[in-house]
Structures are given as structure tokens and as C-alpha cells.
Amino acid sequence: MMNIQSKEYIFVICSRQQQFIIWIIIRRIWNFSYNILHFCQELQYYELYRDDIAVVGGRWNIGSYSFAN
């Protein structure tokens, strides 16, 4: 009887762990797509105002991405 209960308990732990891992994966995909969307928006902003933006030190930042010129 104790063995069956411990197996069920382990199964519950595993299913909770799987839910947590799936939640982390979904959150990472969401953050990644949000970063790409943000990056594209700021890239369009840079394209619009390219003449007004001064590149300081040969580097310019878009969001969390940095590019070297």
C-alpha cells in the first residue's frame, strides 16, 4: 500500500515538474517573440529617424541588442 502511494506521489511531482517546464518554455518563447517584435519596431524607428540619430563611438543600441559599426 505504501509503495502505491509513493508511486502516485512521485507521479504528481513529475507532472508538476512537467507543467513547470512547459510554462518556462512557453514564457521563453513569448519573451523571445516579444523581443523580436520590439527589435523590429525600434529598427523601423531607426530607419525613420536615421538622419537624426548620431552614432556615438561606432556603436548603437536597439533594445537589448547592440551593434558595432
PDB file of N, CA and C in Angstrom:
ATOM      1  N   MET A   1       0.828  -1.204   0.000  1.00  0.00           N
ATOM      2  CA  MET A   1       0.000   0.000   0.000  1.00  0.00           C
ATOM      3  C   MET A   1       0.870   1.266   0.000  1.00  0.00           C
ATOM      4  N   MET A   2       1.906   1.207   0.807  1.00  0.00           N
ATOM      5  CA  MET A   2       2.807   2.365   0.887  1.00  0.00           C
ATOM      6  C   MET A   2       3.516   2.587  -0.451  1.00  0.00           C
ATOM      7  N   ASN A   3       3.854   1.482  -1.120  1.00  0.00           N
ATOM      8  CA  ASN A   3       4.550   1.564  -2.390  1.00  0.00           C
ATOM      9  C   ASN A   3       3.686   2.257  -3.443  1.00  0.00           C
ATOM     10  N   ILE A   4       2.417   1.905  -3.515  1.00  0.00           N
ATOM     11  CA  ILE A   4       1.498   2.530  -4.475  1.00  0.00           C
ATOM     12  C   ILE A   4       1.364   4.025  -4.191  1.00  0.00           C
ATOM     13  N   GLN A   5       1.236   4.377  -2.906  1.00  0.00           N
ATOM     14  CA  GLN A   5       1.102   5.793  -2.553  1.00  0.00           C
ATOM     15  C   GLN A   5       2.354   6.567  -2.952  1.00  0.00           C
ATOM     16  N   SER A   6       3.526   5.992  -2.707  1.00  0.00           N
ATOM     17  CA  SER A   6       4.761   6.689  -3.052  1.00  0.00           C
ATOM     18  C   SER A   6       4.880   6.843  -4.573  1.00  0.00           C
ATOM     19  N   LYS A   7       4.444   5.832  -5.323  1.00  0.00           N
ATOM     20  CA  LYS A   7       4.475   5.952  -6.787  1.00  0.00           C
ATOM     21  C   LYS A   7       3.546   7.072  -7.253  1.00  0.00           C
ATOM     22  N   GLU A   8       2.349   7.137  -6.676  1.00  0.00           N
ATOM     23  CA  GLU A   8       1.427   8.219  -7.047  1.00  0.00           C
ATOM     24  C   GLU A   8       2.015   9.579  -6.688  1.00  0.00           C
ATOM     25  N   TYR A   9       2.658   9.656  -5.550  1.00  0.00           N
ATOM     26  CA  TYR A   9       3.269  10.911  -5.116  1.00  0.00           C
ATOM     27  C   TYR A   9       4.367  11.336  -6.096  1.00  0.00           C
ATOM     28  N   ILE A  10       5.200  10.369  -6.505  1.00  0.00           N
ATOM     29  CA  ILE A  10       6.255  10.657  -7.487  1.00  0.00           C
ATOM     30  C   ILE A  10       5.633  11.103  -8.811  1.00  0.00           C
ATOM     31  N   PHE A  11       4.526  10.462  -9.211  1.00  0.00           N
ATOM     32  CA  PHE A  11       3.856  10.842 -10.455  1.00  0.00           C
ATOM     33  C   PHE A  11       3.348  12.284 -10.372  1.00  0.00           C
ATOM     34  N   VAL A  12       2.782  12.662  -9.215  1.00  0.00           N
ATOM     35  CA  VAL A  12       2.306  14.041  -9.041  1.00  0.00           C
ATOM     36  C   VAL A  12       3.469  15.020  -9.139  1.00  0.00           C
ATOM     37  N   ILE A  13       4.600  14.675  -8.508  1.00  0.00           N
ATOM     38  CA  ILE A  13       5.772  15.559  -8.581  1.00  0.00           C
ATOM     39  C   ILE A  13       6.241  15.701 -10.031  1.00  0.00           C
ATOM     40  N   CYS A  14       6.291  14.574 -10.752  1.00  0.00           N
ATOM     41  CA  CYS A  14       6.748  14.619 -12.145  1.00  0.00           C
ATOM     42  C   CYS A  14       5.800  15.457 -13.006  1.00  0.00           C
ATOM     43  N   SER A  15       4.492  15.301 -12.810  1.00  0.00           N
ATOM     44  CA  SER A  15       3.547  16.059 -13.626  1.00  0.00           C
ATOM     45  C   SER A  15       3.659  17.551 -13.305  1.00  0.00           C
ATOM     46  N   ARG A  16       3.857  17.891 -12.030  1.00  0.00           N
ATOM     47  CA  ARG A  16       4.030  19.300 -11.683  1.00  0.00           C
ATOM     48  C   ARG A  16       5.311  19.843 -12.292  1.00  0.00           C
ATOM     49  N   GLN A  17       6.358  19.032 -12.292  1.00  0.00           N
ATOM     50  CA  GLN A  17       7.624  19.456 -12.883  1.00  0.00           C
ATOM     51  C   GLN A  17       7.457  19.671 -14.390  1.00  0.00           C
ATOM     52  N   GLN A  18       6.729  18.765 -15.044  1.00  0.00           N
ATOM     53  CA  GLN A  18       6.488  18.921 -16.479  1.00  0.00           C
ATOM     54  C   GLN A  18       5.681  20.180 -16.763  1.00  0.00           C
ATOM     55  N   GLN A  19       4.667  20.459 -15.947  1.00  0.00           N
ATOM     56  CA  GLN A  19       3.892  21.682 -16.134  1.00  0.00           C
ATOM     57  C   GLN A  19       4.789  22.908 -15.974  1.00  0.00           C
ATOM     58  N   PHE A  20       5.661  22.871 -14.996  1.00  0.00           N
ATOM     59  CA  PHE A  20       6.568  23.985 -14.752  1.00  0.00           C
ATOM     60  C   PHE A  20       7.518  24.185 -15.932  1.00  0.00           C
ATOM     61  N   ILE A  21       8.060  23.070 -16.446  1.00  0.00           N
ATOM     62  CA  ILE A  21       8.972  23.155 -17.599  1.00  0.00           C
ATOM     63  C   ILE A  21       8.240  23.685 -18.822  1.00  0.00           C
ATOM     64  N   ILE A  22       7.006  23.188 -19.056  1.00  0.00           N
ATOM     65  CA  ILE A  22       6.218  23.680 -20.198  1.00  0.00           C
ATOM     66  C   ILE A  22       5.937  25.169 -20.041  1.00  0.00           C
ATOM     67  N   TRP A  23       5.635  25.588 -18.797  1.00  0.00           N
ATOM     68  CA  TRP A  23       5.375  27.017 -18.539  1.00  0.00           C
ATOM     69  C   TRP A  23       6.614  27.840 -18.818  1.00  0.00           C
ATOM     70  N   ILE A  24       7.788  27.343 -18.413  1.00  0.00           N
ATOM     71  CA  ILE A  24       9.043  28.062 -18.680  1.00  0.00           C
ATOM     72  C   ILE A  24       9.290  28.167 -20.183  1.00  0.00           C
ATOM     73  N   ILE A  25       9.058  27.055 -20.910  1.00  0.00           N
ATOM     74  CA  ILE A  25       9.278  27.074 -22.365  1.00  0.00           C
ATOM     75  C   ILE A  25       8.340  28.071 -23.035  1.00  0.00           C
ATOM     76  N   ILE A  26       7.054  28.049 -22.650  1.00  0.00           N
ATOM     77  CA  ILE A  26       6.089  28.992 -23.237  1.00  0.00           C
ATOM     78  C   ILE A  26       6.505  30.419 -22.925  1.00  0.00           C
ATOM     79  N   ARG A  27       6.959  30.662 -21.687  1.00  0.00           N
ATOM     80  CA  ARG A  27       7.356  32.015 -21.308  1.00  0.00           C
ATOM     81  C   ARG A  27       8.582  32.463 -22.090  1.00  0.00           C
ATOM     82  N   ARG A  28       9.531  31.547 -22.297  1.00  0.00           N
ATOM     83  CA  ARG A  28      10.728  31.913 -23.066  1.00  0.00           C
ATOM     84  C   ARG A  28      10.375  32.216 -24.513  1.00  0.00           C
ATOM     85  N   ILE A  29       9.477  31.408 -25.106  1.00  0.00           N
ATOM     86  CA  ILE A  29       9.045  31.673 -26.487  1.00  0.00           C
ATOM     87  C   ILE A  29       8.336  33.022 -26.550  1.00  0.00           C
ATOM     88  N   TRP A  30       7.480  33.318 -25.562  1.00  0.00           N
ATOM     89  CA  TRP A  30       6.771  34.583 -25.529  1.00  0.00           C
ATOM     90  C   TRP A  30       7.753  35.744 -25.423  1.00  0.00           C
ATOM     91  N   ASN A  31       8.729  35.632 -24.509  1.00  0.00           N
ATOM     92  CA  ASN A  31       9.722  36.703 -24.342  1.00  0.00           C
ATOM     93  C   ASN A  31      10.537  36.880 -25.608  1.00  0.00           C
ATOM     94  N   PHE A  32      10.898  35.754 -26.261  1.00  0.00           N
ATOM     95  CA  PHE A  32      11.697  35.828 -27.479  1.00  0.00           C
ATOM     96  C   PHE A  32      10.927  36.536 -28.590  1.00  0.00           C
ATOM     97  N   SER A  33       9.650  36.167 -28.775  1.00  0.00           N
ATOM     98  CA  SER A  33       8.846  36.798 -29.822  1.00  0.00           C
ATOM     99  C   SER A  33       8.601  38.268 -29.478  1.00  0.00           C
ATOM    100  N   TYR A  34       8.418  38.570 -28.192  1.00  0.00           N
ATOM    101  CA  TYR A  34       8.225  39.968 -27.798  1.00  0.00           C
ATOM    102  C   TYR A  34       9.494  40.773 -28.071  1.00  0.00           C
ATOM    103  N   ASN A  35      10.662  40.173 -27.798  1.00  0.00           N
ATOM    104  CA  ASN A  35      11.924  40.868 -28.071  1.00  0.00           C
ATOM    105  C   ASN A  35      12.090  41.129 -29.560  1.00  0.00           C
ATOM    106  N   ILE A  36      11.726  40.151 -30.387  1.00  0.00           N
ATOM    107  CA  ILE A  36      11.852  40.336 -31.840  1.00  0.00           C
ATOM    108  C   ILE A  36      10.895  41.434 -32.316  1.00  0.00           C
ATOM    109  N   LEU A  37       9.669  41.435 -31.782  1.00  0.00           N
ATOM    110  CA  LEU A  37       8.706  42.477 -32.151  1.00  0.00           C
ATOM    111  C   LEU A  37       9.226  43.852 -31.748  1.00  0.00           C
ATOM    112  N   HIS A  38       9.732  43.944 -30.520  1.00  0.00           N
ATOM    113  CA  HIS A  38      10.294  45.196 -30.009  1.00  0.00           C
ATOM    114  C   HIS A  38      11.484  45.639 -30.865  1.00  0.00           C
ATOM    115  N   PHE A  39      12.332  44.662 -31.205  1.00  0.00           N
ATOM    116  CA  PHE A  39      13.504  44.927 -32.039  1.00  0.00           C
ATOM    117  C   PHE A  39      13.085  45.456 -33.406  1.00  0.00           C
ATOM    118  N   CYS A  40      12.060  44.840 -34.027  1.00  0.00           N
ATOM    119  CA  CYS A  40      11.593  45.284 -35.338  1.00  0.00           C
ATOM    120  C   CYS A  40      11.002  46.688 -35.253  1.00  0.00           C
ATOM    121  N   GLN A  41      10.245  46.962 -34.183  1.00  0.00           N
ATOM    122  CA  GLN A  41       9.682  48.297 -34.022  1.00  0.00           C
ATOM    123  C   GLN A  41      10.783  49.341 -33.900  1.00  0.00           C
ATOM    124  N   GLU A  42      11.806  49.043 -33.087  1.00  0.00           N
ATOM    125  CA  GLU A  42      12.878  50.023 -32.907  1.00  0.00           C
ATOM    126  C   GLU A  42      13.732  50.129 -34.166  1.00  0.00           C
ATOM    127  N   LEU A  43      13.833  49.030 -34.931  1.00  0.00           N
ATOM    128  CA  LEU A  43      14.562  49.093 -36.193  1.00  0.00           C
ATOM    129  C   LEU A  43      13.826  50.004 -37.179  1.00  0.00           C
ATOM    130  N   GLN A  44      12.490  49.900 -37.230  1.00  0.00           N
ATOM    131  CA  GLN A  44      11.710  50.812 -38.069  1.00  0.00           C
ATOM    132  C   GLN A  44      11.884  52.252 -37.590  1.00  0.00           C
ATOM    133  N   TYR A  45      11.916  52.436 -36.271  1.00  0.00           N
ATOM    134  CA  TYR A  45      12.139  53.776 -35.718  1.00  0.00           C
ATOM    135  C   TYR A  45      13.494  54.295 -36.159  1.00  0.00           C
ATOM    136  N   TYR A  46      14.498  53.408 -36.139  1.00  0.00           N
ATOM    137  CA  TYR A  46      15.834  53.816 -36.581  1.00  0.00           C
ATOM    138  C   TYR A  46      15.821  54.150 -38.071  1.00  0.00           C
ATOM    139  N   GLU A  47      15.112  53.373 -38.863  1.00  0.00           N
ATOM    140  CA  GLU A  47      15.023  53.656 -40.304  1.00  0.00           C
ATOM    141  C   GLU A  47      14.344  55.000 -40.542  1.00  0.00           C
ATOM    142  N   LEU A  48      13.326  55.322 -39.737  1.00  0.00           N
ATOM    143  CA  LEU A  48      12.616  56.586 -39.918  1.00  0.00           C
ATOM    144  C   LEU A  48      13.496  57.776 -39.558  1.00  0.00           C
ATOM    145  N   TYR A  49      14.225  57.640 -38.457  1.00  0.00           N
ATOM    146  CA  TYR A  49      14.973  58.787 -37.938  1.00  0.00           C
ATOM    147  C   TYR A  49      16.475  58.570 -38.050  1.00  0.00           C
ATOM    148  N   ARG A  50      16.898  57.879 -39.098  1.00  0.00           N
ATOM    149  CA  ARG A  50      18.316  57.573 -39.260  1.00  0.00           C
ATOM    150  C   ARG A  50      19.157  58.844 -39.374  1.00  0.00           C
ATOM    151  N   ASP A  51      18.619  59.850 -40.036  1.00  0.00           N
ATOM    152  CA  ASP A  51      19.386  61.079 -40.236  1.00  0.00           C
ATOM    153  C   ASP A  51      19.546  61.875 -38.948  1.00  0.00           C
ATOM    154  N   ASP A  52      18.596  61.687 -38.009  1.00  0.00           N
ATOM    155  CA  ASP A  52      18.640  62.460 -36.769  1.00  0.00           C
ATOM    156  C   ASP A  52      19.426  61.757 -35.671  1.00  0.00           C
ATOM    157  N   ILE A  53      19.719  60.459 -35.836  1.00  0.00           N
ATOM    158  CA  ILE A  53      20.418  59.706 -34.793  1.00  0.00           C
ATOM    159  C   ILE A  53      21.918  59.769 -35.059  1.00  0.00           C
ATOM    160  N   ALA A  54      22.671  60.215 -34.063  1.00  0.00           N
ATOM    161  CA  ALA A  54      24.125  60.242 -34.179  1.00  0.00           C
ATOM    162  C   ALA A  54      24.694  58.951 -33.598  1.00  0.00           C
ATOM    163  N   VAL A  55      25.547  58.297 -34.353  1.00  0.00           N
ATOM    164  CA  VAL A  55      26.174  57.068 -33.876  1.00  0.00           C
ATOM    165  C   VAL A  55      27.401  57.453 -33.065  1.00  0.00           C
ATOM    166  N   VAL A  56      27.353  57.157 -31.778  1.00  0.00           N
ATOM    167  CA  VAL A  56      28.426  57.577 -30.877  1.00  0.00           C
ATOM    168  C   VAL A  56      29.390  56.419 -30.683  1.00  0.00           C
ATOM    169  N   GLY A  57      30.652  56.644 -31.002  1.00  0.00           N
ATOM    170  CA  GLY A  57      31.682  55.640 -30.767  1.00  0.00           C
ATOM    171  C   GLY A  57      31.572  54.423 -31.664  1.00  0.00           C
ATOM    172  N   GLY A  58      30.854  54.550 -32.774  1.00  0.00           N
ATOM    173  CA  GLY A  58      30.732  53.430 -33.700  1.00  0.00           C
ATOM    174  C   GLY A  58      29.796  52.335 -33.221  1.00  0.00           C
ATOM    175  N   ARG A  59      29.069  52.559 -32.122  1.00  0.00           N
ATOM    176  CA  ARG A  59      28.120  51.557 -31.621  1.00  0.00           C
ATOM    177  C   ARG A  59      26.779  52.214 -31.388  1.00  0.00           C
ATOM    178  N   TRP A  60      25.699  51.491 -31.662  1.00  0.00           N
ATOM    179  CA  TRP A  60      24.370  51.985 -31.311  1.00  0.00           C
ATOM    180  C   TRP A  60      23.546  50.827 -30.802  1.00  0.00           C
ATOM    181  N   ASN A  61      22.660  51.108 -29.875  1.00  0.00           N
ATOM    182  CA  ASN A  61      21.888  50.087 -29.171  1.00  0.00           C
ATOM    183  C   ASN A  61      20.447  50.092 -29.654  1.00  0.00           C
ATOM    184  N   ILE A  62      19.909  48.879 -29.867  1.00  0.00           N
ATOM    185  CA  ILE A  62      18.474  48.723 -30.129  1.00  0.00           C
ATOM    186  C   ILE A  62      17.949  47.782 -29.057  1.00  0.00           C
ATOM    187  N   GLY A  63      17.210  48.315 -28.117  1.00  0.00           N
ATOM    188  CA  GLY A  63      16.691  47.489 -27.033  1.00  0.00           C
ATOM    189  C   GLY A  63      17.826  46.858 -26.258  1.00  0.00           C
ATOM    190  N   SER A  64      17.822  45.519 -26.200  1.00  0.00           N
ATOM    191  CA  SER A  64      18.895  44.816 -25.503  1.00  0.00           C
ATOM    192  C   SER A  64      19.979  44.370 -26.477  1.00  0.00           C
ATOM    193  N   TYR A  65      19.798  44.674 -27.758  1.00  0.00           N
ATOM    194  CA  TYR A  65      20.791  44.290 -28.752  1.00  0.00           C
ATOM    195  C   TYR A  65      21.728  45.465 -29.016  1.00  0.00           C
ATOM    196  N   SER A  66      23.000  45.189 -29.181  1.00  0.00           N
ATOM    197  CA  SER A  66      23.945  46.243 -29.527  1.00  0.00           C
ATOM    198  C   SER A  66      24.696  45.834 -30.794  1.00  0.00           C
ATOM    199  N   PHE A  67      24.896  46.792 -31.663  1.00  0.00           N
ATOM    200  CA  PHE A  67      25.563  46.538 -32.931  1.00  0.00           C
ATOM    201  C   PHE A  67      26.823  47.391 -33.003  1.00  0.00           C
ATOM    202  N   ALA A  68      27.850  46.808 -33.559  1.00  0.00           N
ATOM    203  CA  ALA A  68      29.087  47.564 -33.771  1.00  0.00           C
ATOM    204  C   ALA A  68      29.152  47.991 -35.226  1.00  0.00           C
ATOM    205  N   ASN A  69      29.504  49.234 -35.466  1.00  0.00           N
ATOM    206  CA  ASN A  69      29.631  49.738 -36.835  1.00  0.00           C
ATOM    207  C   ASN A  69      31.078  49.653 -37.286  1.00  0.00           C
TER     208      ASN A  69
END
